């Protein structure tokens, strides 16, 4: 690295509250898989298609200023997944905390359930390699099929899958699916009681 590159890495590490002596190693410091679930996996988020659509829009708007890009997302009735590139995970957490607080307040008013806990788990997981990133993208797009909400990725409206398939084409998407299989990816995370 040049002196200027080292200085920039150090500045970013300080900004993110990371130790100075452990520089980022590739993707793991920049790419994250964010998963968040409604309390007790209740379908609070998905009481209507309008709520799902509004939340999808709010989610992407909340993440835009704190990420370098959202590569994949999927919003389901009781949880969501996002694959994003970010330097400041604390800023992402703060943005999601604000989003969860606002939506909890609004949904509880709409549903006449003041004081109800809407959100439970929000887990950012680092993406460790390029292959892991592709498997994460496949997992996120496959999630509506896995949970029985759709027969095909592109059938679920509250996801980036349709845009992804349109951008890369079916042949490329199938190749990435076969090269980066899911196996047990995500097993146990989004099951009740976990």
N, C-alpha and C. Protein backbone atom coordinates (compact mmCIF):
# COMPACT_ATOMS: atom_id res chain seq x y z
N UNK A 1 0.84 -1.19 0.00
CA UNK A 1 0.00 0.00 0.00
C UNK A 1 0.87 1.24 0.00
N UNK A 2 0.38 2.26 -0.63
CA UNK A 2 1.09 3.53 -0.60
C UNK A 2 0.87 4.19 0.76
N UNK A 3 1.62 5.21 1.06
CA UNK A 3 1.45 5.96 2.31
C UNK A 3 0.05 6.55 2.38
N UNK A 4 -0.44 7.08 1.28
CA UNK A 4 -1.78 7.67 1.25
C UNK A 4 -2.85 6.61 1.48
N UNK A 5 -2.69 5.43 0.88
CA UNK A 5 -3.67 4.35 1.09
C UNK A 5 -3.68 3.90 2.55
N UNK A 6 -2.48 3.77 3.15
CA UNK A 6 -2.41 3.39 4.57
C UNK A 6 -3.10 4.43 5.44
N UNK A 7 -2.88 5.70 5.14
CA UNK A 7 -3.51 6.78 5.91
C UNK A 7 -5.03 6.72 5.78
N UNK A 8 -5.53 6.44 4.58
CA UNK A 8 -6.97 6.35 4.37
C UNK A 8 -7.56 5.16 5.13
N UNK A 9 -6.90 4.01 5.10
CA UNK A 9 -7.37 2.84 5.84
C UNK A 9 -7.40 3.15 7.33
N UNK A 10 -6.37 3.79 7.83
CA UNK A 10 -6.32 4.16 9.25
C UNK A 10 -7.45 5.11 9.60
N UNK A 11 -7.70 6.11 8.75
CA UNK A 11 -8.79 7.06 8.98
C UNK A 11 -10.14 6.34 9.05
N UNK A 12 -10.37 5.41 8.10
CA UNK A 12 -11.63 4.67 8.08
C UNK A 12 -11.77 3.78 9.30
N UNK A 13 -10.67 3.15 9.72
CA UNK A 13 -10.72 2.29 10.91
C UNK A 13 -11.04 3.12 12.15
N UNK A 14 -10.45 4.30 12.26
CA UNK A 14 -10.74 5.17 13.40
C UNK A 14 -12.21 5.60 13.36
N UNK A 15 -12.69 5.98 12.19
CA UNK A 15 -14.07 6.43 12.02
C UNK A 15 -15.06 5.34 12.43
N UNK A 16 -14.72 4.08 12.16
CA UNK A 16 -15.60 2.95 12.46
C UNK A 16 -15.36 2.39 13.87
N UNK A 17 -14.42 2.97 14.62
CA UNK A 17 -14.15 2.48 15.95
C UNK A 17 -13.43 1.14 15.96
N UNK A 18 -12.67 0.84 14.92
CA UNK A 18 -11.95 -0.42 14.83
C UNK A 18 -10.51 -0.23 15.31
N UNK A 19 -9.87 -1.30 15.80
CA UNK A 19 -8.48 -1.17 16.22
C UNK A 19 -7.57 -0.80 15.07
N UNK A 20 -6.54 -0.03 15.36
CA UNK A 20 -5.64 0.45 14.32
C UNK A 20 -4.77 -0.65 13.76
N UNK A 21 -4.45 -1.65 14.55
CA UNK A 21 -3.47 -2.65 14.14
C UNK A 21 -4.05 -3.79 13.30
N UNK A 22 -5.36 -3.84 13.08
CA UNK A 22 -5.96 -4.93 12.33
C UNK A 22 -6.64 -4.44 11.09
N UNK A 23 -5.91 -4.13 10.03
CA UNK A 23 -6.54 -3.59 8.82
C UNK A 23 -7.54 -4.57 8.22
N UNK A 24 -8.50 -4.07 7.46
CA UNK A 24 -9.49 -4.94 6.86
C UNK A 24 -8.86 -5.96 5.92
N UNK A 25 -9.42 -7.14 5.86
CA UNK A 25 -8.92 -8.21 4.99
C UNK A 25 -9.97 -8.52 3.95
N UNK A 26 -10.01 -7.74 2.91
CA UNK A 26 -10.93 -8.02 1.81
C UNK A 26 -12.37 -7.70 2.14
N UNK A 27 -13.25 -8.61 1.74
CA UNK A 27 -14.69 -8.37 1.81
C UNK A 27 -15.25 -8.28 3.22
N UNK A 28 -14.66 -8.97 4.20
CA UNK A 28 -15.32 -9.09 5.48
C UNK A 28 -15.57 -7.76 6.19
N UNK A 29 -14.80 -6.74 5.90
CA UNK A 29 -15.01 -5.46 6.56
C UNK A 29 -15.99 -4.57 5.78
N UNK A 30 -16.30 -4.92 4.58
CA UNK A 30 -17.13 -4.05 3.75
C UNK A 30 -18.51 -4.62 3.46
N UNK A 31 -18.62 -5.91 3.31
CA UNK A 31 -19.89 -6.54 2.96
C UNK A 31 -20.50 -7.17 4.20
N UNK A 32 -21.82 -6.97 4.36
CA UNK A 32 -22.53 -7.55 5.50
C UNK A 32 -23.89 -8.08 5.05
N UNK A 33 -24.27 -9.15 5.67
CA UNK A 33 -25.61 -9.72 5.50
C UNK A 33 -26.38 -9.33 6.76
N UNK A 34 -27.38 -8.49 6.58
CA UNK A 34 -28.21 -8.02 7.69
C UNK A 34 -29.51 -8.81 7.67
N UNK A 35 -29.85 -9.39 8.80
CA UNK A 35 -31.12 -10.12 8.95
C UNK A 35 -31.84 -9.55 10.15
N UNK A 36 -33.12 -9.29 10.02
CA UNK A 36 -33.91 -8.79 11.14
C UNK A 36 -35.27 -9.48 11.12
N UNK A 37 -35.76 -9.79 12.32
CA UNK A 37 -37.03 -10.53 12.44
C UNK A 37 -38.00 -9.79 13.34
N UNK A 38 -39.26 -9.97 13.05
CA UNK A 38 -40.31 -9.47 13.93
C UNK A 38 -40.32 -10.32 15.20
N UNK A 39 -40.77 -9.72 16.28
CA UNK A 39 -40.82 -10.40 17.57
C UNK A 39 -41.65 -11.68 17.46
N UNK A 40 -41.08 -12.77 17.98
CA UNK A 40 -41.69 -14.10 17.94
C UNK A 40 -42.10 -14.52 16.53
N UNK A 41 -41.42 -13.98 15.54
CA UNK A 41 -41.67 -14.27 14.12
C UNK A 41 -43.14 -14.05 13.72
N UNK A 42 -43.78 -13.12 14.40
CA UNK A 42 -45.15 -12.78 14.02
C UNK A 42 -45.12 -11.98 12.72
N UNK A 43 -46.12 -12.13 11.87
CA UNK A 43 -46.12 -11.42 10.57
C UNK A 43 -46.56 -9.96 10.70
N UNK A 44 -45.94 -9.24 11.61
CA UNK A 44 -46.28 -7.83 11.85
C UNK A 44 -45.94 -6.98 10.63
N UNK A 45 -44.80 -7.26 10.03
CA UNK A 45 -44.32 -6.53 8.87
C UNK A 45 -45.23 -6.73 7.67
N UNK A 46 -45.81 -7.92 7.55
CA UNK A 46 -46.55 -8.25 6.35
C UNK A 46 -48.05 -8.37 6.53
N UNK A 47 -48.64 -7.45 7.28
CA UNK A 47 -50.10 -7.51 7.43
C UNK A 47 -50.83 -7.16 6.14
N UNK A 48 -50.12 -6.51 5.22
CA UNK A 48 -50.72 -6.17 3.93
C UNK A 48 -49.61 -5.96 2.91
N UNK A 49 -49.95 -6.10 1.62
CA UNK A 49 -48.95 -5.80 0.58
C UNK A 49 -48.50 -4.33 0.65
N UNK A 50 -49.40 -3.44 1.05
CA UNK A 50 -49.04 -2.03 1.14
C UNK A 50 -47.98 -1.80 2.22
N UNK A 51 -48.11 -2.51 3.36
CA UNK A 51 -47.12 -2.36 4.42
C UNK A 51 -45.77 -2.93 3.97
N UNK A 52 -45.80 -4.07 3.30
CA UNK A 52 -44.56 -4.66 2.78
C UNK A 52 -43.87 -3.70 1.81
N UNK A 53 -44.64 -3.13 0.89
CA UNK A 53 -44.08 -2.21 -0.10
C UNK A 53 -43.54 -0.95 0.56
N UNK A 54 -44.27 -0.41 1.51
CA UNK A 54 -43.83 0.80 2.21
C UNK A 54 -42.55 0.53 3.00
N UNK A 55 -42.49 -0.62 3.68
CA UNK A 55 -41.30 -0.94 4.45
C UNK A 55 -40.10 -1.16 3.54
N UNK A 56 -40.30 -1.85 2.43
CA UNK A 56 -39.19 -2.06 1.48
C UNK A 56 -38.61 -0.72 1.06
N UNK A 57 -39.47 0.23 0.73
CA UNK A 57 -39.02 1.55 0.31
C UNK A 57 -38.29 2.26 1.44
N UNK A 58 -38.85 2.20 2.66
CA UNK A 58 -38.21 2.85 3.81
C UNK A 58 -36.87 2.20 4.14
N UNK A 59 -36.79 0.89 4.04
CA UNK A 59 -35.55 0.16 4.32
C UNK A 59 -34.44 0.62 3.38
N UNK A 60 -34.73 0.64 2.10
CA UNK A 60 -33.72 1.04 1.12
C UNK A 60 -33.34 2.52 1.28
N UNK A 61 -34.31 3.36 1.62
CA UNK A 61 -34.02 4.78 1.86
C UNK A 61 -33.15 4.97 3.10
N UNK A 62 -33.42 4.19 4.15
CA UNK A 62 -32.63 4.29 5.38
C UNK A 62 -31.19 3.85 5.16
N UNK A 63 -31.00 2.85 4.31
CA UNK A 63 -29.65 2.31 4.09
C UNK A 63 -28.84 3.10 3.06
N UNK A 64 -29.50 3.83 2.19
CA UNK A 64 -28.80 4.55 1.11
C UNK A 64 -27.69 5.47 1.64
N UNK A 65 -27.94 6.30 2.65
CA UNK A 65 -26.86 7.21 3.08
C UNK A 65 -25.76 6.55 3.91
N UNK A 66 -25.98 5.33 4.39
CA UNK A 66 -25.00 4.69 5.27
C UNK A 66 -24.34 3.46 4.63
N UNK A 67 -24.60 3.25 3.35
CA UNK A 67 -24.00 2.11 2.67
C UNK A 67 -23.43 2.56 1.33
N UNK A 68 -22.53 1.74 0.83
CA UNK A 68 -21.96 2.01 -0.49
C UNK A 68 -22.75 1.29 -1.57
N UNK A 69 -23.79 0.60 -1.17
CA UNK A 69 -24.65 -0.09 -2.12
C UNK A 69 -25.32 -1.28 -1.49
N UNK A 70 -26.57 -1.48 -1.85
CA UNK A 70 -27.33 -2.65 -1.43
C UNK A 70 -27.41 -3.58 -2.64
N UNK A 71 -26.81 -4.76 -2.53
CA UNK A 71 -26.75 -5.70 -3.65
C UNK A 71 -27.98 -6.59 -3.74
N UNK A 72 -28.56 -6.91 -2.59
CA UNK A 72 -29.74 -7.79 -2.57
C UNK A 72 -30.55 -7.50 -1.33
N UNK A 73 -31.87 -7.69 -1.47
CA UNK A 73 -32.75 -7.55 -0.32
C UNK A 73 -33.99 -8.40 -0.55
N UNK A 74 -34.64 -8.72 0.54
CA UNK A 74 -35.89 -9.46 0.49
C UNK A 74 -36.66 -9.11 1.76
N UNK A 75 -37.89 -8.66 1.60
CA UNK A 75 -38.76 -8.31 2.71
C UNK A 75 -39.91 -9.31 2.73
N UNK A 76 -40.01 -10.05 3.82
CA UNK A 76 -41.07 -11.05 4.00
C UNK A 76 -42.00 -10.61 5.12
N UNK A 77 -43.13 -11.28 5.31
CA UNK A 77 -44.09 -10.84 6.33
C UNK A 77 -43.55 -10.77 7.76
N UNK A 78 -42.52 -11.58 8.08
CA UNK A 78 -42.04 -11.56 9.47
C UNK A 78 -40.53 -11.33 9.61
N UNK A 79 -39.83 -11.08 8.53
CA UNK A 79 -38.40 -10.78 8.62
C UNK A 79 -37.90 -10.24 7.28
N UNK A 80 -36.66 -9.74 7.31
CA UNK A 80 -36.06 -9.28 6.06
C UNK A 80 -34.56 -9.60 6.07
N UNK A 81 -33.99 -9.57 4.86
CA UNK A 81 -32.56 -9.78 4.65
C UNK A 81 -32.05 -8.71 3.70
N UNK A 82 -30.81 -8.27 3.95
CA UNK A 82 -30.17 -7.29 3.09
C UNK A 82 -28.69 -7.67 2.96
N UNK A 83 -28.17 -7.56 1.76
CA UNK A 83 -26.73 -7.70 1.51
C UNK A 83 -26.24 -6.33 1.08
N UNK A 84 -25.35 -5.76 1.90
CA UNK A 84 -24.90 -4.41 1.59
C UNK A 84 -23.41 -4.25 1.77
N UNK A 85 -22.90 -3.23 1.14
CA UNK A 85 -21.49 -2.87 1.25
C UNK A 85 -21.42 -1.59 2.06
N UNK A 86 -20.67 -1.63 3.16
CA UNK A 86 -20.58 -0.47 4.03
C UNK A 86 -19.24 -0.44 4.72
N UNK A 87 -18.77 0.75 5.00
CA UNK A 87 -17.55 0.92 5.78
C UNK A 87 -17.91 1.07 7.26
N UNK A 88 -19.06 1.67 7.55
CA UNK A 88 -19.44 1.98 8.92
C UNK A 88 -20.64 1.15 9.37
N UNK A 89 -20.36 0.01 9.95
CA UNK A 89 -21.43 -0.83 10.47
C UNK A 89 -22.20 -0.13 11.59
N UNK A 90 -21.55 0.64 12.48
CA UNK A 90 -22.33 1.37 13.49
C UNK A 90 -23.36 2.32 12.87
N UNK A 91 -23.03 2.96 11.76
CA UNK A 91 -23.98 3.85 11.09
C UNK A 91 -25.15 3.05 10.53
N UNK A 92 -24.88 1.86 10.00
CA UNK A 92 -25.95 0.99 9.49
C UNK A 92 -26.86 0.58 10.64
N UNK A 93 -26.27 0.17 11.75
CA UNK A 93 -27.07 -0.22 12.92
C UNK A 93 -27.94 0.92 13.43
N UNK A 94 -27.37 2.11 13.46
CA UNK A 94 -28.13 3.28 13.92
C UNK A 94 -29.30 3.57 12.97
N UNK A 95 -29.05 3.49 11.67
CA UNK A 95 -30.13 3.73 10.70
C UNK A 95 -31.24 2.70 10.84
N UNK A 96 -30.86 1.44 11.02
CA UNK A 96 -31.87 0.38 11.18
C UNK A 96 -32.61 0.52 12.50
N UNK A 97 -31.89 0.92 13.55
CA UNK A 97 -32.55 1.16 14.84
C UNK A 97 -33.62 2.24 14.72
N UNK A 98 -33.29 3.32 14.01
CA UNK A 98 -34.27 4.39 13.79
C UNK A 98 -35.45 3.90 12.97
N UNK A 99 -35.17 3.12 11.93
CA UNK A 99 -36.23 2.56 11.09
C UNK A 99 -37.13 1.64 11.91
N UNK A 100 -36.54 0.77 12.71
CA UNK A 100 -37.33 -0.15 13.52
C UNK A 100 -38.17 0.61 14.54
N UNK A 101 -37.62 1.65 15.13
CA UNK A 101 -38.38 2.45 16.09
C UNK A 101 -39.57 3.15 15.44
N UNK A 102 -39.34 3.77 14.29
CA UNK A 102 -40.43 4.47 13.57
C UNK A 102 -41.52 3.51 13.13
N UNK A 103 -41.10 2.38 12.55
CA UNK A 103 -42.11 1.44 12.05
C UNK A 103 -42.88 0.81 13.20
N UNK A 104 -42.21 0.50 14.30
CA UNK A 104 -42.91 -0.05 15.47
C UNK A 104 -43.99 0.91 15.94
N UNK A 105 -43.62 2.18 16.07
CA UNK A 105 -44.57 3.19 16.52
C UNK A 105 -45.76 3.29 15.57
N UNK A 106 -45.47 3.37 14.28
CA UNK A 106 -46.54 3.52 13.28
C UNK A 106 -47.43 2.28 13.20
N UNK A 107 -46.81 1.10 13.16
CA UNK A 107 -47.60 -0.12 13.04
C UNK A 107 -48.46 -0.37 14.28
N UNK A 108 -47.91 -0.08 15.44
CA UNK A 108 -48.70 -0.27 16.66
C UNK A 108 -49.90 0.67 16.68
N UNK A 109 -49.73 1.89 16.17
CA UNK A 109 -50.87 2.82 16.06
C UNK A 109 -51.88 2.28 15.06
N UNK A 110 -51.40 1.86 13.88
CA UNK A 110 -52.31 1.32 12.85
C UNK A 110 -53.08 0.10 13.33
N UNK A 111 -52.39 -0.78 14.07
CA UNK A 111 -52.99 -2.05 14.50
C UNK A 111 -53.69 -1.95 15.85
N UNK A 112 -53.66 -0.74 16.47
CA UNK A 112 -54.28 -0.57 17.78
C UNK A 112 -53.62 -1.41 18.86
N UNK A 113 -52.29 -1.51 18.81
CA UNK A 113 -51.55 -2.35 19.76
C UNK A 113 -50.38 -1.59 20.36
N UNK A 114 -50.66 -0.47 21.00
CA UNK A 114 -49.61 0.33 21.64
C UNK A 114 -48.82 -0.52 22.62
N UNK A 115 -47.50 -0.36 22.60
CA UNK A 115 -46.64 -1.08 23.52
C UNK A 115 -46.18 -2.44 23.04
N UNK A 116 -46.73 -2.93 21.94
CA UNK A 116 -46.33 -4.23 21.42
C UNK A 116 -44.87 -4.16 20.94
N UNK A 117 -44.13 -5.21 21.16
CA UNK A 117 -42.78 -5.32 20.63
C UNK A 117 -42.87 -5.82 19.20
N UNK A 118 -42.37 -5.03 18.27
CA UNK A 118 -42.45 -5.42 16.85
C UNK A 118 -41.20 -6.13 16.37
N UNK A 119 -40.04 -5.66 16.78
CA UNK A 119 -38.78 -6.19 16.27
C UNK A 119 -38.06 -6.94 17.37
N UNK A 120 -37.37 -8.00 16.98
CA UNK A 120 -36.61 -8.78 17.95
C UNK A 120 -35.14 -8.87 17.57
N UNK A 121 -34.85 -9.56 16.52
CA UNK A 121 -33.47 -9.83 16.16
C UNK A 121 -33.02 -9.01 14.96
N UNK A 122 -31.85 -8.41 15.07
CA UNK A 122 -31.23 -7.75 13.93
C UNK A 122 -29.76 -8.12 13.97
N UNK A 123 -29.36 -8.97 13.06
CA UNK A 123 -28.00 -9.51 13.07
C UNK A 123 -27.22 -9.09 11.83
N UNK A 124 -26.14 -8.35 12.01
CA UNK A 124 -25.23 -8.11 10.89
C UNK A 124 -24.15 -9.19 10.91
N UNK A 125 -23.99 -9.87 9.80
CA UNK A 125 -22.96 -10.90 9.70
C UNK A 125 -21.99 -10.50 8.60
N UNK A 126 -20.69 -10.54 8.91
CA UNK A 126 -19.71 -10.19 7.87
C UNK A 126 -19.67 -11.23 6.77
N UNK A 127 -19.48 -10.77 5.56
CA UNK A 127 -19.31 -11.65 4.40
C UNK A 127 -17.81 -11.86 4.24
N UNK A 128 -17.41 -13.12 4.23
CA UNK A 128 -16.00 -13.45 4.36
C UNK A 128 -15.24 -13.67 3.06
N UNK A 129 -15.95 -13.84 1.97
CA UNK A 129 -15.27 -14.08 0.70
C UNK A 129 -16.22 -13.75 -0.45
N UNK A 130 -15.67 -13.75 -1.64
CA UNK A 130 -16.50 -13.52 -2.82
C UNK A 130 -17.53 -14.64 -2.99
N UNK A 131 -17.13 -15.88 -2.74
CA UNK A 131 -18.06 -17.00 -2.82
C UNK A 131 -19.17 -16.87 -1.77
N UNK A 132 -18.80 -16.45 -0.57
CA UNK A 132 -19.78 -16.24 0.49
C UNK A 132 -20.77 -15.14 0.10
N UNK A 133 -20.27 -14.11 -0.56
CA UNK A 133 -21.15 -13.03 -1.01
C UNK A 133 -22.17 -13.54 -2.01
N UNK A 134 -21.72 -14.38 -2.96
CA UNK A 134 -22.66 -14.93 -3.95
C UNK A 134 -23.66 -15.88 -3.30
N UNK A 135 -23.20 -16.70 -2.37
CA UNK A 135 -24.12 -17.60 -1.66
C UNK A 135 -25.14 -16.80 -0.86
N UNK A 136 -24.70 -15.69 -0.27
CA UNK A 136 -25.61 -14.82 0.48
C UNK A 136 -26.66 -14.22 -0.44
N UNK A 137 -26.23 -13.73 -1.59
CA UNK A 137 -27.16 -13.16 -2.56
C UNK A 137 -28.18 -14.22 -2.99
N UNK A 138 -27.72 -15.43 -3.28
CA UNK A 138 -28.63 -16.51 -3.66
C UNK A 138 -29.60 -16.84 -2.53
N UNK A 139 -29.09 -16.88 -1.30
CA UNK A 139 -29.93 -17.17 -0.14
C UNK A 139 -31.03 -16.12 0.02
N UNK A 140 -30.65 -14.86 -0.09
CA UNK A 140 -31.62 -13.78 0.07
C UNK A 140 -32.70 -13.87 -1.01
N UNK A 141 -32.31 -14.06 -2.24
CA UNK A 141 -33.29 -14.14 -3.32
C UNK A 141 -34.15 -15.40 -3.22
N UNK A 142 -33.60 -16.46 -2.68
CA UNK A 142 -34.33 -17.73 -2.55
C UNK A 142 -35.27 -17.75 -1.33
N UNK A 143 -35.13 -16.82 -0.41
CA UNK A 143 -35.87 -16.84 0.84
C UNK A 143 -37.39 -16.92 0.68
N UNK A 144 -38.03 -16.18 -0.24
CA UNK A 144 -39.48 -16.32 -0.39
C UNK A 144 -39.89 -17.71 -0.86
N UNK A 145 -39.05 -18.36 -1.64
CA UNK A 145 -39.32 -19.73 -2.09
C UNK A 145 -39.16 -20.68 -0.90
N UNK A 146 -38.08 -20.50 -0.15
CA UNK A 146 -37.80 -21.33 1.02
C UNK A 146 -38.96 -21.31 2.02
N UNK A 147 -39.56 -20.13 2.20
CA UNK A 147 -40.65 -19.99 3.18
C UNK A 147 -42.04 -20.20 2.57
N UNK A 148 -42.10 -20.54 1.30
CA UNK A 148 -43.37 -20.86 0.68
C UNK A 148 -44.21 -19.67 0.24
N UNK A 149 -43.62 -18.50 0.11
CA UNK A 149 -44.36 -17.33 -0.33
C UNK A 149 -44.40 -17.20 -1.85
N UNK A 150 -43.50 -17.89 -2.53
CA UNK A 150 -43.42 -17.81 -3.99
C UNK A 150 -42.85 -19.12 -4.53
N UNK A 151 -43.16 -19.41 -5.78
CA UNK A 151 -42.60 -20.61 -6.42
C UNK A 151 -41.27 -20.32 -7.09
N UNK A 152 -41.09 -19.07 -7.52
CA UNK A 152 -39.84 -18.66 -8.17
C UNK A 152 -39.37 -17.35 -7.56
N UNK A 153 -38.06 -17.12 -7.58
CA UNK A 153 -37.50 -15.89 -7.02
C UNK A 153 -38.22 -14.64 -7.51
N UNK A 154 -38.33 -14.54 -8.84
CA UNK A 154 -38.85 -13.31 -9.43
C UNK A 154 -40.34 -13.10 -9.17
N UNK A 155 -41.04 -14.09 -8.61
CA UNK A 155 -42.46 -13.94 -8.32
C UNK A 155 -42.72 -13.11 -7.06
N UNK A 156 -41.73 -13.01 -6.17
CA UNK A 156 -41.92 -12.26 -4.94
C UNK A 156 -41.61 -10.79 -5.23
N UNK A 157 -42.60 -9.93 -5.02
CA UNK A 157 -42.48 -8.53 -5.41
C UNK A 157 -41.58 -7.69 -4.51
N UNK A 158 -41.37 -8.10 -3.27
CA UNK A 158 -40.66 -7.27 -2.29
C UNK A 158 -39.23 -7.74 -2.12
N UNK A 159 -38.52 -7.77 -3.24
CA UNK A 159 -37.18 -8.33 -3.29
C UNK A 159 -36.45 -7.74 -4.48
N UNK A 160 -35.14 -7.86 -4.44
CA UNK A 160 -34.32 -7.40 -5.57
C UNK A 160 -34.16 -8.47 -6.64
N UNK A 161 -34.75 -9.63 -6.45
CA UNK A 161 -34.54 -10.76 -7.36
C UNK A 161 -34.91 -10.44 -8.81
N UNK A 162 -36.05 -9.81 -9.01
CA UNK A 162 -36.46 -9.47 -10.38
C UNK A 162 -35.49 -8.53 -11.05
N UNK A 163 -35.04 -7.52 -10.33
CA UNK A 163 -34.07 -6.58 -10.88
C UNK A 163 -32.74 -7.27 -11.18
N UNK A 164 -32.34 -8.15 -10.26
CA UNK A 164 -31.10 -8.90 -10.44
C UNK A 164 -31.16 -9.75 -11.71
N UNK A 165 -32.24 -10.52 -11.87
CA UNK A 165 -32.37 -11.37 -13.04
C UNK A 165 -32.41 -10.55 -14.33
N UNK A 166 -33.08 -9.41 -14.28
CA UNK A 166 -33.14 -8.54 -15.45
C UNK A 166 -31.76 -7.98 -15.79
N UNK A 167 -30.98 -7.65 -14.76
CA UNK A 167 -29.66 -7.05 -14.98
C UNK A 167 -28.63 -8.05 -15.48
N UNK A 168 -28.62 -9.27 -14.92
CA UNK A 168 -27.56 -10.22 -15.26
C UNK A 168 -27.99 -11.29 -16.26
N UNK A 169 -29.28 -11.51 -16.40
CA UNK A 169 -29.78 -12.54 -17.29
C UNK A 169 -29.90 -13.89 -16.60
N UNK A 170 -30.80 -14.69 -17.11
CA UNK A 170 -31.10 -15.99 -16.50
C UNK A 170 -29.89 -16.93 -16.51
N UNK A 171 -29.17 -16.97 -17.62
CA UNK A 171 -28.04 -17.88 -17.74
C UNK A 171 -26.97 -17.58 -16.69
N UNK A 172 -26.63 -16.31 -16.53
CA UNK A 172 -25.62 -15.92 -15.53
C UNK A 172 -26.13 -16.22 -14.11
N UNK A 173 -27.38 -15.90 -13.83
CA UNK A 173 -27.95 -16.15 -12.50
C UNK A 173 -27.93 -17.64 -12.18
N UNK A 174 -28.26 -18.49 -13.15
CA UNK A 174 -28.22 -19.94 -12.94
C UNK A 174 -26.79 -20.41 -12.70
N UNK A 175 -25.85 -19.84 -13.43
CA UNK A 175 -24.45 -20.22 -13.23
C UNK A 175 -24.00 -19.86 -11.81
N UNK A 176 -24.36 -18.65 -11.33
CA UNK A 176 -23.98 -18.23 -9.98
C UNK A 176 -24.68 -19.09 -8.93
N UNK A 177 -25.91 -19.51 -9.21
CA UNK A 177 -26.65 -20.39 -8.30
C UNK A 177 -25.93 -21.74 -8.17
N UNK A 178 -25.50 -22.28 -9.31
CA UNK A 178 -24.82 -23.58 -9.30
C UNK A 178 -23.40 -23.51 -8.74
N UNK A 179 -22.71 -22.41 -8.99
CA UNK A 179 -21.33 -22.26 -8.49
C UNK A 179 -21.28 -21.93 -7.00
N UNK A 180 -22.36 -21.36 -6.46
CA UNK A 180 -22.38 -20.93 -5.06
C UNK A 180 -23.65 -21.44 -4.38
N UNK A 181 -23.73 -22.77 -4.19
CA UNK A 181 -24.95 -23.37 -3.65
C UNK A 181 -25.18 -22.98 -2.19
N UNK A 182 -26.43 -23.12 -1.76
CA UNK A 182 -26.81 -22.72 -0.41
C UNK A 182 -26.42 -23.74 0.65
N UNK A 183 -26.48 -25.01 0.34
CA UNK A 183 -26.27 -26.08 1.32
C UNK A 183 -27.14 -25.77 2.55
N UNK A 184 -26.53 -25.59 3.72
CA UNK A 184 -27.30 -25.29 4.94
C UNK A 184 -27.24 -23.81 5.29
N UNK A 185 -26.97 -22.97 4.33
CA UNK A 185 -26.84 -21.53 4.57
C UNK A 185 -28.09 -21.01 5.27
N UNK A 186 -27.91 -20.33 6.39
CA UNK A 186 -29.03 -19.72 7.11
C UNK A 186 -29.82 -20.68 7.97
N UNK A 187 -29.45 -21.95 8.00
CA UNK A 187 -30.22 -22.94 8.75
C UNK A 187 -30.33 -22.54 10.21
N UNK A 188 -31.57 -22.50 10.70
CA UNK A 188 -31.81 -22.21 12.09
C UNK A 188 -32.02 -20.76 12.41
N UNK A 189 -31.51 -19.85 11.57
CA UNK A 189 -31.62 -18.43 11.93
C UNK A 189 -33.06 -17.98 11.98
N UNK A 190 -33.81 -18.26 10.93
CA UNK A 190 -35.15 -17.69 10.83
C UNK A 190 -36.24 -18.71 11.12
N UNK A 191 -35.93 -19.63 12.02
CA UNK A 191 -36.95 -20.58 12.47
C UNK A 191 -37.46 -20.15 13.84
N UNK A 192 -38.76 -20.31 14.12
CA UNK A 192 -39.30 -19.92 15.41
C UNK A 192 -38.52 -20.58 16.55
N UNK A 193 -38.35 -19.83 17.62
CA UNK A 193 -37.66 -20.34 18.78
C UNK A 193 -36.17 -20.12 18.74
N UNK A 194 -35.63 -19.63 17.64
CA UNK A 194 -34.18 -19.42 17.55
C UNK A 194 -33.84 -18.03 18.02
